[in-house]
Amino acid sequence: MRLRVASAAIDDANMETIIYEGYGPGGTAVMVECLSDNRNRTVAEVRHAFSKCGGNLGTDGSVAYLFSKKG
């Protein structure tokens, strides 16, 4: 998975936090928190990363009940 460096030209007002849930190799529960300006591009990248590692992207609430946010 490649990381993109944020550009100063991107307006912070267009950025949104998106949380994806899924399963990694061996059925491991995974939550991914992203900051993005394009929801469609981000879901495609996250889905690709999951499938490349032998996992799959889940639906909303599929693993969230297993986690609690700290801090």
PDB file of N, CA and C in Angstrom:
ATOM      1  N   MET A   1       0.850  -1.172   0.000  1.00  0.00           N
ATOM      2  CA  MET A   1       0.000   0.000   0.000  1.00  0.00           C
ATOM      3  C   MET A   1       0.892   1.231   0.000  1.00  0.00           C
ATOM      4  N   ARG A   2       0.559   2.169  -0.812  1.00  0.00           N
ATOM      5  CA  ARG A   2       1.375   3.370  -0.887  1.00  0.00           C
ATOM      6  C   ARG A   2       0.766   4.483  -0.033  1.00  0.00           C
ATOM      7  N   LEU A   3       1.629   5.314   0.505  1.00  0.00           N
ATOM      8  CA  LEU A   3       1.187   6.449   1.312  1.00  0.00           C
ATOM      9  C   LEU A   3       1.381   7.718   0.509  1.00  0.00           C
ATOM     10  N   ARG A   4       0.433   8.588   0.598  1.00  0.00           N
ATOM     11  CA  ARG A   4       0.530   9.863  -0.113  1.00  0.00           C
ATOM     12  C   ARG A   4       0.798  10.971   0.893  1.00  0.00           C
ATOM     13  N   VAL A   5       1.715  11.842   0.537  1.00  0.00           N
ATOM     14  CA  VAL A   5       2.040  12.976   1.389  1.00  0.00           C
ATOM     15  C   VAL A   5       1.002  14.062   1.151  1.00  0.00           C
ATOM     16  N   ALA A   6       0.460  14.592   2.233  1.00  0.00           N
ATOM     17  CA  ALA A   6      -0.558  15.644   2.120  1.00  0.00           C
ATOM     18  C   ALA A   6       0.070  16.915   1.560  1.00  0.00           C
ATOM     19  N   SER A   7      -0.611  17.517   0.645  1.00  0.00           N
ATOM     20  CA  SER A   7      -0.144  18.749   0.018  1.00  0.00           C
ATOM     21  C   SER A   7      -0.775  19.945   0.718  1.00  0.00           C
ATOM     22  N   ALA A   8      -0.030  21.018   0.785  1.00  0.00           N
ATOM     23  CA  ALA A   8      -0.554  22.237   1.395  1.00  0.00           C
ATOM     24  C   ALA A   8      -1.695  22.811   0.566  1.00  0.00           C
ATOM     25  N   ALA A   9      -1.789  22.406  -0.693  1.00  0.00           N
ATOM     26  CA  ALA A   9      -2.832  22.924  -1.577  1.00  0.00           C
ATOM     27  C   ALA A   9      -4.205  22.333  -1.266  1.00  0.00           C
ATOM     28  N   ILE A  10      -4.246  21.200  -0.566  1.00  0.00           N
ATOM     29  CA  ILE A  10      -5.530  20.573  -0.243  1.00  0.00           C
ATOM     30  C   ILE A  10      -6.186  21.344   0.896  1.00  0.00           C
ATOM     31  N   ASP A  11      -7.396  21.746   0.694  1.00  0.00           N
ATOM     32  CA  ASP A  11      -8.140  22.497   1.695  1.00  0.00           C
ATOM     33  C   ASP A  11      -8.596  21.554   2.802  1.00  0.00           C
ATOM     34  N   ASP A  12      -8.277  21.889   4.060  1.00  0.00           N
ATOM     35  CA  ASP A  12      -8.662  21.050   5.195  1.00  0.00           C
ATOM     36  C   ASP A  12     -10.169  20.893   5.318  1.00  0.00           C
ATOM     37  N   ALA A  13     -10.922  21.841   4.805  1.00  0.00           N
ATOM     38  CA  ALA A  13     -12.380  21.773   4.903  1.00  0.00           C
ATOM     39  C   ALA A  13     -12.940  20.608   4.089  1.00  0.00           C
ATOM     40  N   ASN A  14     -12.225  20.146   3.073  1.00  0.00           N
ATOM     41  CA  ASN A  14     -12.686  19.043   2.238  1.00  0.00           C
ATOM     42  C   ASN A  14     -12.333  17.680   2.809  1.00  0.00           C
ATOM     43  N   MET A  15     -11.504  17.638   3.833  1.00  0.00           N
ATOM     44  CA  MET A  15     -11.060  16.375   4.399  1.00  0.00           C
ATOM     45  C   MET A  15     -12.111  15.825   5.357  1.00  0.00           C
ATOM     46  N   GLU A  16     -12.272  14.507   5.343  1.00  0.00           N
ATOM     47  CA  GLU A  16     -13.184  13.862   6.275  1.00  0.00           C
ATOM     48  C   GLU A  16     -12.557  12.581   6.805  1.00  0.00           C
ATOM     49  N   THR A  17     -12.910  12.228   8.027  1.00  0.00           N
ATOM     50  CA  THR A  17     -12.439  10.989   8.632  1.00  0.00           C
ATOM     51  C   THR A  17     -13.432   9.889   8.308  1.00  0.00           C
ATOM     52  N   ILE A  18     -12.907   8.778   7.806  1.00  0.00           N
ATOM     53  CA  ILE A  18     -13.737   7.642   7.416  1.00  0.00           C
ATOM     54  C   ILE A  18     -13.182   6.408   8.113  1.00  0.00           C
ATOM     55  N   ILE A  19     -14.053   5.583   8.666  1.00  0.00           N
ATOM     56  CA  ILE A  19     -13.630   4.349   9.328  1.00  0.00           C
ATOM     57  C   ILE A  19     -14.171   3.163   8.552  1.00  0.00           C
ATOM     58  N   TYR A  20     -13.261   2.258   8.191  1.00  0.00           N
ATOM     59  CA  TYR A  20     -13.631   1.034   7.486  1.00  0.00           C
ATOM     60  C   TYR A  20     -13.376  -0.156   8.397  1.00  0.00           C
ATOM     61  N   GLU A  21     -14.188  -1.171   8.245  1.00  0.00           N
ATOM     62  CA  GLU A  21     -14.064  -2.384   9.044  1.00  0.00           C
ATOM     63  C   GLU A  21     -13.893  -3.571   8.120  1.00  0.00           C
ATOM     64  N   GLY A  22     -13.182  -4.557   8.604  1.00  0.00           N
ATOM     65  CA  GLY A  22     -13.000  -5.738   7.777  1.00  0.00           C
ATOM     66  C   GLY A  22     -12.296  -6.842   8.526  1.00  0.00           C
ATOM     67  N   TYR A  23     -11.916  -7.850   7.770  1.00  0.00           N
ATOM     68  CA  TYR A  23     -11.248  -9.020   8.323  1.00  0.00           C
ATOM     69  C   TYR A  23      -9.938  -9.238   7.591  1.00  0.00           C
ATOM     70  N   GLY A  24      -8.885  -9.450   8.364  1.00  0.00           N
ATOM     71  CA  GLY A  24      -7.577  -9.714   7.795  1.00  0.00           C
ATOM     72  C   GLY A  24      -7.350 -11.210   7.670  1.00  0.00           C
ATOM     73  N   PRO A  25      -6.109 -11.597   7.412  1.00  0.00           N
ATOM     74  CA  PRO A  25      -5.784 -13.019   7.295  1.00  0.00           C
ATOM     75  C   PRO A  25      -6.156 -13.780   8.571  1.00  0.00           C
ATOM     76  N   GLY A  26      -6.715 -14.942   8.415  1.00  0.00           N
ATOM     77  CA  GLY A  26      -7.105 -15.749   9.566  1.00  0.00           C
ATOM     78  C   GLY A  26      -8.337 -15.235  10.279  1.00  0.00           C
ATOM     79  N   GLY A  27      -9.070 -14.326   9.665  1.00  0.00           N
ATOM     80  CA  GLY A  27     -10.288 -13.803  10.274  1.00  0.00           C
ATOM     81  C   GLY A  27     -10.052 -12.747  11.335  1.00  0.00           C
ATOM     82  N   THR A  28      -8.862 -12.165  11.366  1.00  0.00           N
ATOM     83  CA  THR A  28      -8.536 -11.122  12.331  1.00  0.00           C
ATOM     84  C   THR A  28      -9.372  -9.875  12.075  1.00  0.00           C
ATOM     85  N   ALA A  29     -10.008  -9.350  13.120  1.00  0.00           N
ATOM     86  CA  ALA A  29     -10.822  -8.136  12.992  1.00  0.00           C
ATOM     87  C   ALA A  29      -9.903  -6.926  12.842  1.00  0.00           C
ATOM     88  N   VAL A  30     -10.229  -6.053  11.882  1.00  0.00           N
ATOM     89  CA  VAL A  30      -9.404  -4.877  11.591  1.00  0.00           C
ATOM     90  C   VAL A  30     -10.303  -3.661  11.415  1.00  0.00           C
ATOM     91  N   MET A  31      -9.883  -2.536  12.020  1.00  0.00           N
ATOM     92  CA  MET A  31     -10.541  -1.253  11.778  1.00  0.00           C
ATOM     93  C   MET A  31      -9.493  -0.304  11.218  1.00  0.00           C
ATOM     94  N   VAL A  32      -9.856   0.416  10.166  1.00  0.00           N
ATOM     95  CA  VAL A  32      -8.941   1.341   9.500  1.00  0.00           C
ATOM     96  C   VAL A  32      -9.567   2.727   9.530  1.00  0.00           C
ATOM     97  N   GLU A  33      -8.854   3.684  10.121  1.00  0.00           N
ATOM     98  CA  GLU A  33      -9.331   5.064  10.159  1.00  0.00           C
ATOM     99  C   GLU A  33      -8.538   5.867   9.136  1.00  0.00           C
ATOM    100  N   CYS A  34      -9.245   6.537   8.234  1.00  0.00           N
ATOM    101  CA  CYS A  34      -8.610   7.274   7.135  1.00  0.00           C
ATOM    102  C   CYS A  34      -9.028   8.736   7.172  1.00  0.00           C
ATOM    103  N   LEU A  35      -8.138   9.597   6.723  1.00  0.00           N
ATOM    104  CA  LEU A  35      -8.446  11.003   6.496  1.00  0.00           C
ATOM    105  C   LEU A  35      -8.354  11.208   4.996  1.00  0.00           C
ATOM    106  N   SER A  36      -9.456  11.593   4.365  1.00  0.00           N
ATOM    107  CA  SER A  36      -9.492  11.634   2.907  1.00  0.00           C
ATOM    108  C   SER A  36     -10.337  12.791   2.399  1.00  0.00           C
ATOM    109  N   ASP A  37     -10.036  13.186   1.172  1.00  0.00           N
ATOM    110  CA  ASP A  37     -10.849  14.188   0.491  1.00  0.00           C
ATOM    111  C   ASP A  37     -11.740  13.542  -0.560  1.00  0.00           C
ATOM    112  N   ASN A  38     -11.617  12.216  -0.742  1.00  0.00           N
ATOM    113  CA  ASN A  38     -12.389  11.516  -1.761  1.00  0.00           C
ATOM    114  C   ASN A  38     -12.774  10.129  -1.245  1.00  0.00           C
ATOM    115  N   ARG A  39     -13.999   9.984  -0.805  1.00  0.00           N
ATOM    116  CA  ARG A  39     -14.482   8.743  -0.204  1.00  0.00           C
ATOM    117  C   ARG A  39     -14.403   7.560  -1.180  1.00  0.00           C
ATOM    118  N   ASN A  40     -14.733   7.777  -2.448  1.00  0.00           N
ATOM    119  CA  ASN A  40     -14.731   6.688  -3.433  1.00  0.00           C
ATOM    120  C   ASN A  40     -13.329   6.146  -3.690  1.00  0.00           C
ATOM    121  N   ARG A  41     -12.364   7.037  -3.828  1.00  0.00           N
ATOM    122  CA  ARG A  41     -10.984   6.605  -4.053  1.00  0.00           C
ATOM    123  C   ARG A  41     -10.454   5.856  -2.832  1.00  0.00           C
ATOM    124  N   THR A  42     -10.786   6.350  -1.646  1.00  0.00           N
ATOM    125  CA  THR A  42     -10.291   5.748  -0.419  1.00  0.00           C
ATOM    126  C   THR A  42     -10.833   4.341  -0.224  1.00  0.00           C
ATOM    127  N   VAL A  43     -12.131   4.134  -0.445  1.00  0.00           N
ATOM    128  CA  VAL A  43     -12.690   2.796  -0.267  1.00  0.00           C
ATOM    129  C   VAL A  43     -12.069   1.820  -1.255  1.00  0.00           C
ATOM    130  N   ALA A  44     -11.773   2.271  -2.466  1.00  0.00           N
ATOM    131  CA  ALA A  44     -11.128   1.395  -3.454  1.00  0.00           C
ATOM    132  C   ALA A  44      -9.726   1.003  -2.996  1.00  0.00           C
ATOM    133  N   GLU A  45      -8.973   1.958  -2.461  1.00  0.00           N
ATOM    134  CA  GLU A  45      -7.616   1.678  -1.978  1.00  0.00           C
ATOM    135  C   GLU A  45      -7.639   0.734  -0.778  1.00  0.00           C
ATOM    136  N   VAL A  46      -8.550   0.976   0.158  1.00  0.00           N
ATOM    137  CA  VAL A  46      -8.640   0.129   1.348  1.00  0.00           C
ATOM    138  C   VAL A  46      -9.088  -1.279   0.965  1.00  0.00           C
ATOM    139  N   ARG A  47     -10.064  -1.386   0.088  1.00  0.00           N
ATOM    140  CA  ARG A  47     -10.527  -2.701  -0.379  1.00  0.00           C
ATOM    141  C   ARG A  47      -9.382  -3.470  -1.047  1.00  0.00           C
ATOM    142  N   HIS A  48      -8.600  -2.772  -1.860  1.00  0.00           N
ATOM    143  CA  HIS A  48      -7.461  -3.398  -2.531  1.00  0.00           C
ATOM    144  C   HIS A  48      -6.435  -3.898  -1.507  1.00  0.00           C
ATOM    145  N   ALA A  49      -6.146  -3.087  -0.485  1.00  0.00           N
ATOM    146  CA  ALA A  49      -5.182  -3.487   0.543  1.00  0.00           C
ATOM    147  C   ALA A  49      -5.668  -4.722   1.298  1.00  0.00           C
ATOM    148  N   PHE A  50      -6.952  -4.758   1.631  1.00  0.00           N
ATOM    149  CA  PHE A  50      -7.505  -5.930   2.315  1.00  0.00           C
ATOM    150  C   PHE A  50      -7.368  -7.176   1.440  1.00  0.00           C
ATOM    151  N   SER A  51      -7.771  -7.090   0.189  1.00  0.00           N
ATOM    152  CA  SER A  51      -7.744  -8.268  -0.683  1.00  0.00           C
ATOM    153  C   SER A  51      -6.313  -8.707  -0.990  1.00  0.00           C
ATOM    154  N   LYS A  52      -5.394  -7.762  -1.098  1.00  0.00           N
ATOM    155  CA  LYS A  52      -3.994  -8.085  -1.363  1.00  0.00           C
ATOM    156  C   LYS A  52      -3.385  -8.894  -0.218  1.00  0.00           C
ATOM    157  N   CYS A  53      -3.867  -8.653   0.995  1.00  0.00           N
ATOM    158  CA  CYS A  53      -3.332  -9.343   2.176  1.00  0.00           C
ATOM    159  C   CYS A  53      -4.167 -10.557   2.576  1.00  0.00           C
ATOM    160  N   GLY A  54      -5.130 -10.921   1.762  1.00  0.00           N
ATOM    161  CA  GLY A  54      -5.932 -12.106   2.059  1.00  0.00           C
ATOM    162  C   GLY A  54      -7.117 -11.846   2.964  1.00  0.00           C
ATOM    163  N   GLY A  55      -7.528 -10.601   3.081  1.00  0.00           N
ATOM    164  CA  GLY A  55      -8.679 -10.262   3.902  1.00  0.00           C
ATOM    165  C   GLY A  55      -9.822  -9.758   3.047  1.00  0.00           C
ATOM    166  N   ASN A  56     -10.823  -9.205   3.705  1.00  0.00           N
ATOM    167  CA  ASN A  56     -11.933  -8.608   2.968  1.00  0.00           C
ATOM    168  C   ASN A  56     -12.546  -7.469   3.769  1.00  0.00           C
ATOM    169  N   LEU A  57     -13.083  -6.512   3.053  1.00  0.00           N
ATOM    170  CA  LEU A  57     -13.726  -5.349   3.648  1.00  0.00           C
ATOM    171  C   LEU A  57     -15.102  -5.757   4.142  1.00  0.00           C
ATOM    172  N   GLY A  58     -15.422  -5.401   5.379  1.00  0.00           N
ATOM    173  CA  GLY A  58     -16.714  -5.764   5.952  1.00  0.00           C
ATOM    174  C   GLY A  58     -17.722  -4.640   5.837  1.00  0.00           C
ATOM    175  N   THR A  59     -18.900  -4.890   6.370  1.00  0.00           N
ATOM    176  CA  THR A  59     -19.954  -3.880   6.384  1.00  0.00           C
ATOM    177  C   THR A  59     -19.862  -3.070   7.674  1.00  0.00           C
ATOM    178  N   ASP A  60     -20.570  -1.944   7.723  1.00  0.00           N
ATOM    179  CA  ASP A  60     -20.589  -1.126   8.935  1.00  0.00           C
ATOM    180  C   ASP A  60     -21.095  -1.951  10.108  1.00  0.00           C
ATOM    181  N   GLY A  61     -20.344  -1.928  11.198  1.00  0.00           N
ATOM    182  CA  GLY A  61     -20.740  -2.646  12.399  1.00  0.00           C
ATOM    183  C   GLY A  61     -20.278  -4.092  12.450  1.00  0.00           C
ATOM    184  N   SER A  62     -19.599  -4.562  11.414  1.00  0.00           N
ATOM    185  CA  SER A  62     -19.203  -5.969  11.382  1.00  0.00           C
ATOM    186  C   SER A  62     -18.149  -6.309  12.435  1.00  0.00           C
ATOM    187  N   VAL A  63     -17.252  -5.381  12.757  1.00  0.00           N
ATOM    188  CA  VAL A  63     -16.248  -5.641  13.793  1.00  0.00           C
ATOM    189  C   VAL A  63     -16.161  -4.522  14.831  1.00  0.00           C
ATOM    190  N   ALA A  64     -16.897  -3.442  14.661  1.00  0.00           N
ATOM    191  CA  ALA A  64     -16.797  -2.287  15.561  1.00  0.00           C
ATOM    192  C   ALA A  64     -17.106  -2.650  17.009  1.00  0.00           C
ATOM    193  N   TYR A  65     -17.985  -3.600  17.216  1.00  0.00           N
ATOM    194  CA  TYR A  65     -18.357  -3.987  18.574  1.00  0.00           C
ATOM    195  C   TYR A  65     -17.188  -4.631  19.325  1.00  0.00           C
ATOM    196  N   LEU A  66     -16.153  -5.038  18.625  1.00  0.00           N
ATOM    197  CA  LEU A  66     -14.986  -5.667  19.244  1.00  0.00           C
ATOM    198  C   LEU A  66     -13.960  -4.652  19.735  1.00  0.00           C
ATOM    199  N   PHE A  67     -14.140  -3.377  19.377  1.00  0.00           N
ATOM    200  CA  PHE A  67     -13.162  -2.340  19.684  1.00  0.00           C
ATOM    201  C   PHE A  67     -13.788  -1.238  20.530  1.00  0.00           C
ATOM    202  N   SER A  68     -12.933  -0.562  21.309  1.00  0.00           N
ATOM    203  CA  SER A  68     -13.359   0.653  22.006  1.00  0.00           C
ATOM    204  C   SER A  68     -12.264   1.697  21.810  1.00  0.00           C
ATOM    205  N   LYS A  69     -12.666   2.918  21.497  1.00  0.00           N
ATOM    206  CA  LYS A  69     -11.705   3.985  21.212  1.00  0.00           C
ATOM    207  C   LYS A  69     -11.149   4.530  22.520  1.00  0.00           C
ATOM    208  N   LYS A  70      -9.848   4.648  22.589  1.00  0.00           N
ATOM    209  CA  LYS A  70      -9.158   5.171  23.768  1.00  0.00           C
ATOM    210  C   LYS A  70      -8.368   6.402  23.360  1.00  0.00           C
ATOM    211  N   GLY A  71      -8.412   7.405  24.197  1.00  0.00           N
ATOM    212  CA  GLY A  71      -7.586   8.586  23.956  1.00  0.00           C
ATOM    213  C   GLY A  71      -8.135   9.636  23.091  1.00  0.00           C
TER     214      GLY A  71
END
